[in-house]
Amino acid sequence: MLPAHWDTLMGHERPPSAEALRNETIEQLERFNITKAITSGEAERLKQFKKAAPDRIIRSQWIPWDIKGDSLPDIH
């Protein structure tokens, strides 16, 4: 969601793909024994996180910055 150069400014390297980000995130949750994580983002990406770690991921509603009117994305 944020520009790639922000990662560099913060001293982080952006994962090369959404799949790599998901895998790295779940690895860190396991590493630090985080049993539940509230996760927000685009609906399809949330589905993939939930599928990869169904007992660990709690999906939450994500409201894009540019949303107009009263139409919210469906996370189900």
N, C-alpha and C. Protein backbone atom coordinates (compact mmCIF):
# COMPACT_ATOMS: atom_id res chain seq x y z
N MET A 1 0.81 -1.17 0.00
CA MET A 1 0.00 0.00 0.00
C MET A 1 0.87 1.25 0.00
N LEU A 2 1.99 1.24 0.69
CA LEU A 2 2.87 2.39 0.72
C LEU A 2 3.91 2.30 -0.39
N PRO A 3 4.43 3.44 -0.82
CA PRO A 3 5.45 3.42 -1.88
C PRO A 3 6.67 2.60 -1.46
N ALA A 4 7.28 1.91 -2.41
CA ALA A 4 8.40 1.01 -2.13
C ALA A 4 9.57 1.74 -1.47
N HIS A 5 9.81 2.99 -1.83
CA HIS A 5 10.97 3.68 -1.25
C HIS A 5 10.82 3.93 0.25
N TRP A 6 9.61 3.87 0.77
CA TRP A 6 9.41 4.02 2.21
C TRP A 6 10.06 2.86 2.96
N ASP A 7 10.01 1.67 2.37
CA ASP A 7 10.66 0.52 3.00
C ASP A 7 12.15 0.77 3.16
N THR A 8 12.77 1.28 2.10
CA THR A 8 14.20 1.56 2.13
C THR A 8 14.51 2.61 3.19
N LEU A 9 13.70 3.65 3.26
CA LEU A 9 13.91 4.70 4.26
C LEU A 9 13.83 4.15 5.68
N MET A 10 13.00 3.14 5.87
CA MET A 10 12.82 2.54 7.19
C MET A 10 13.83 1.42 7.46
N GLY A 11 14.69 1.12 6.48
CA GLY A 11 15.70 0.08 6.67
C GLY A 11 15.19 -1.33 6.42
N HIS A 12 14.12 -1.45 5.66
CA HIS A 12 13.55 -2.77 5.36
C HIS A 12 13.65 -3.05 3.87
N GLU A 13 13.68 -4.33 3.54
CA GLU A 13 13.64 -4.74 2.15
C GLU A 13 12.25 -5.30 1.86
N ARG A 14 11.61 -4.79 0.83
CA ARG A 14 10.26 -5.23 0.48
C ARG A 14 10.32 -6.65 -0.11
N PRO A 15 9.49 -7.57 0.36
CA PRO A 15 9.45 -8.91 -0.23
C PRO A 15 9.12 -8.82 -1.73
N PRO A 16 9.63 -9.75 -2.51
CA PRO A 16 9.46 -9.67 -3.96
C PRO A 16 8.04 -9.94 -4.47
N SER A 17 7.17 -10.50 -3.61
CA SER A 17 5.81 -10.82 -4.06
C SER A 17 4.87 -10.85 -2.87
N ALA A 18 3.58 -10.84 -3.16
CA ALA A 18 2.57 -10.94 -2.10
C ALA A 18 2.70 -12.29 -1.38
N GLU A 19 3.01 -13.33 -2.14
CA GLU A 19 3.18 -14.66 -1.54
C GLU A 19 4.36 -14.68 -0.58
N ALA A 20 5.47 -14.05 -0.98
CA ALA A 20 6.64 -13.99 -0.10
C ALA A 20 6.34 -13.20 1.17
N LEU A 21 5.60 -12.10 1.03
CA LEU A 21 5.20 -11.31 2.20
C LEU A 21 4.36 -12.16 3.15
N ARG A 22 3.40 -12.88 2.60
CA ARG A 22 2.54 -13.73 3.42
C ARG A 22 3.38 -14.78 4.15
N ASN A 23 4.25 -15.45 3.43
CA ASN A 23 5.07 -16.50 4.03
C ASN A 23 5.98 -15.95 5.12
N GLU A 24 6.62 -14.81 4.86
CA GLU A 24 7.51 -14.20 5.85
C GLU A 24 6.72 -13.76 7.09
N THR A 25 5.54 -13.22 6.87
CA THR A 25 4.70 -12.78 7.99
C THR A 25 4.32 -13.96 8.87
N ILE A 26 3.87 -15.03 8.26
CA ILE A 26 3.46 -16.21 9.03
C ILE A 26 4.66 -16.83 9.74
N GLU A 27 5.82 -16.85 9.10
CA GLU A 27 7.03 -17.35 9.75
C GLU A 27 7.34 -16.54 11.01
N GLN A 28 7.19 -15.22 10.94
CA GLN A 28 7.46 -14.38 12.11
C GLN A 28 6.42 -14.60 13.21
N LEU A 29 5.18 -14.77 12.83
CA LEU A 29 4.14 -15.07 13.82
C LEU A 29 4.49 -16.35 14.56
N GLU A 30 4.92 -17.36 13.83
CA GLU A 30 5.30 -18.64 14.45
C GLU A 30 6.56 -18.46 15.31
N ARG A 31 7.54 -17.74 14.78
CA ARG A 31 8.81 -17.54 15.49
C ARG A 31 8.59 -16.90 16.86
N PHE A 32 7.71 -15.91 16.91
CA PHE A 32 7.48 -15.20 18.16
C PHE A 32 6.25 -15.71 18.92
N ASN A 33 5.76 -16.88 18.49
CA ASN A 33 4.63 -17.54 19.15
C ASN A 33 3.41 -16.62 19.28
N ILE A 34 3.13 -15.89 18.22
CA ILE A 34 1.93 -15.05 18.18
C ILE A 34 0.81 -15.94 17.67
N THR A 35 -0.16 -16.19 18.53
CA THR A 35 -1.19 -17.17 18.20
C THR A 35 -2.35 -16.58 17.42
N LYS A 36 -2.57 -15.27 17.52
CA LYS A 36 -3.65 -14.61 16.78
C LYS A 36 -3.13 -13.27 16.26
N ALA A 37 -3.49 -12.96 15.03
CA ALA A 37 -3.08 -11.68 14.44
C ALA A 37 -4.25 -11.10 13.66
N ILE A 38 -4.63 -9.88 14.00
CA ILE A 38 -5.68 -9.19 13.26
C ILE A 38 -5.04 -8.63 12.00
N THR A 39 -5.59 -8.99 10.87
CA THR A 39 -4.99 -8.67 9.58
C THR A 39 -5.99 -7.92 8.71
N SER A 40 -5.53 -6.83 8.11
CA SER A 40 -6.40 -6.10 7.20
C SER A 40 -5.69 -5.93 5.87
N GLY A 41 -6.46 -5.62 4.85
CA GLY A 41 -5.91 -5.44 3.51
C GLY A 41 -6.96 -5.75 2.48
N GLU A 42 -6.51 -5.87 1.26
CA GLU A 42 -7.43 -6.18 0.16
C GLU A 42 -8.06 -7.55 0.39
N ALA A 43 -9.32 -7.68 0.02
CA ALA A 43 -10.10 -8.89 0.32
C ALA A 43 -9.42 -10.17 -0.17
N GLU A 44 -8.92 -10.18 -1.38
CA GLU A 44 -8.29 -11.41 -1.91
C GLU A 44 -7.01 -11.75 -1.14
N ARG A 45 -6.24 -10.73 -0.78
CA ARG A 45 -5.01 -10.98 0.00
C ARG A 45 -5.37 -11.53 1.37
N LEU A 46 -6.42 -11.01 1.99
CA LEU A 46 -6.85 -11.53 3.29
C LEU A 46 -7.26 -12.99 3.20
N LYS A 47 -7.96 -13.34 2.15
CA LYS A 47 -8.37 -14.74 1.96
C LYS A 47 -7.15 -15.65 1.91
N GLN A 48 -6.10 -15.20 1.23
CA GLN A 48 -4.89 -16.02 1.11
C GLN A 48 -4.17 -16.15 2.46
N PHE A 49 -4.12 -15.07 3.24
CA PHE A 49 -3.53 -15.14 4.58
C PHE A 49 -4.32 -16.12 5.44
N LYS A 50 -5.64 -15.99 5.42
CA LYS A 50 -6.50 -16.86 6.24
C LYS A 50 -6.35 -18.32 5.82
N LYS A 51 -6.25 -18.56 4.52
CA LYS A 51 -6.09 -19.93 4.01
C LYS A 51 -4.75 -20.52 4.47
N ALA A 52 -3.70 -19.69 4.50
CA ALA A 52 -2.37 -20.16 4.86
C ALA A 52 -2.23 -20.41 6.37
N ALA A 53 -2.98 -19.67 7.18
CA ALA A 53 -2.89 -19.82 8.64
C ALA A 53 -4.27 -19.61 9.26
N PRO A 54 -5.18 -20.54 9.02
CA PRO A 54 -6.58 -20.34 9.42
C PRO A 54 -6.81 -20.15 10.92
N ASP A 55 -6.00 -20.78 11.77
CA ASP A 55 -6.20 -20.64 13.21
C ASP A 55 -5.48 -19.43 13.79
N ARG A 56 -4.65 -18.79 13.00
CA ARG A 56 -3.83 -17.70 13.50
C ARG A 56 -4.31 -16.32 13.03
N ILE A 57 -4.92 -16.27 11.84
CA ILE A 57 -5.30 -15.00 11.22
C ILE A 57 -6.76 -14.65 11.52
N ILE A 58 -6.97 -13.42 11.97
CA ILE A 58 -8.30 -12.86 12.15
C ILE A 58 -8.44 -11.73 11.13
N ARG A 59 -9.37 -11.89 10.21
CA ARG A 59 -9.54 -10.87 9.16
C ARG A 59 -10.33 -9.69 9.72
N SER A 60 -9.92 -8.49 9.32
CA SER A 60 -10.68 -7.30 9.71
C SER A 60 -11.00 -6.48 8.45
N GLN A 61 -11.93 -5.60 8.60
CA GLN A 61 -12.34 -4.76 7.47
C GLN A 61 -11.24 -3.75 7.14
N TRP A 62 -10.96 -3.60 5.88
CA TRP A 62 -9.98 -2.62 5.41
C TRP A 62 -10.72 -1.58 4.60
N ILE A 63 -10.53 -0.33 4.93
CA ILE A 63 -11.18 0.74 4.19
C ILE A 63 -10.10 1.49 3.41
N PRO A 64 -10.09 1.35 2.09
CA PRO A 64 -9.09 2.04 1.28
C PRO A 64 -9.16 3.55 1.47
N TRP A 65 -8.03 4.21 1.35
CA TRP A 65 -7.96 5.65 1.52
C TRP A 65 -8.82 6.39 0.51
N ASP A 66 -8.97 5.82 -0.67
CA ASP A 66 -9.66 6.53 -1.75
C ASP A 66 -11.13 6.11 -1.90
N ILE A 67 -11.69 5.43 -0.91
CA ILE A 67 -13.08 4.97 -1.03
C ILE A 67 -14.04 6.18 -1.03
N LYS A 68 -15.06 6.05 -1.81
CA LYS A 68 -16.05 7.12 -1.90
C LYS A 68 -17.44 6.53 -1.66
N GLY A 69 -18.30 7.36 -1.09
CA GLY A 69 -19.67 6.88 -0.83
C GLY A 69 -19.70 5.90 0.32
N ASP A 70 -20.69 5.03 0.30
CA ASP A 70 -20.85 4.08 1.39
C ASP A 70 -20.63 2.65 0.92
N SER A 71 -19.78 2.46 -0.08
CA SER A 71 -19.50 1.10 -0.56
C SER A 71 -18.19 0.59 0.06
N LEU A 72 -18.28 -0.38 0.93
CA LEU A 72 -17.12 -0.98 1.55
C LEU A 72 -16.81 -2.32 0.88
N PRO A 73 -15.53 -2.67 0.78
CA PRO A 73 -15.18 -3.97 0.19
C PRO A 73 -15.68 -5.11 1.06
N ASP A 74 -16.10 -6.19 0.45
CA ASP A 74 -16.57 -7.37 1.16
C ASP A 74 -15.39 -8.27 1.48
N ILE A 75 -15.18 -8.61 2.76
CA ILE A 75 -14.04 -9.45 3.14
C ILE A 75 -14.42 -10.92 3.25
N HIS A 76 -15.65 -11.27 3.00
CA HIS A 76 -16.08 -12.67 3.17
C HIS A 76 -15.97 -13.47 1.93
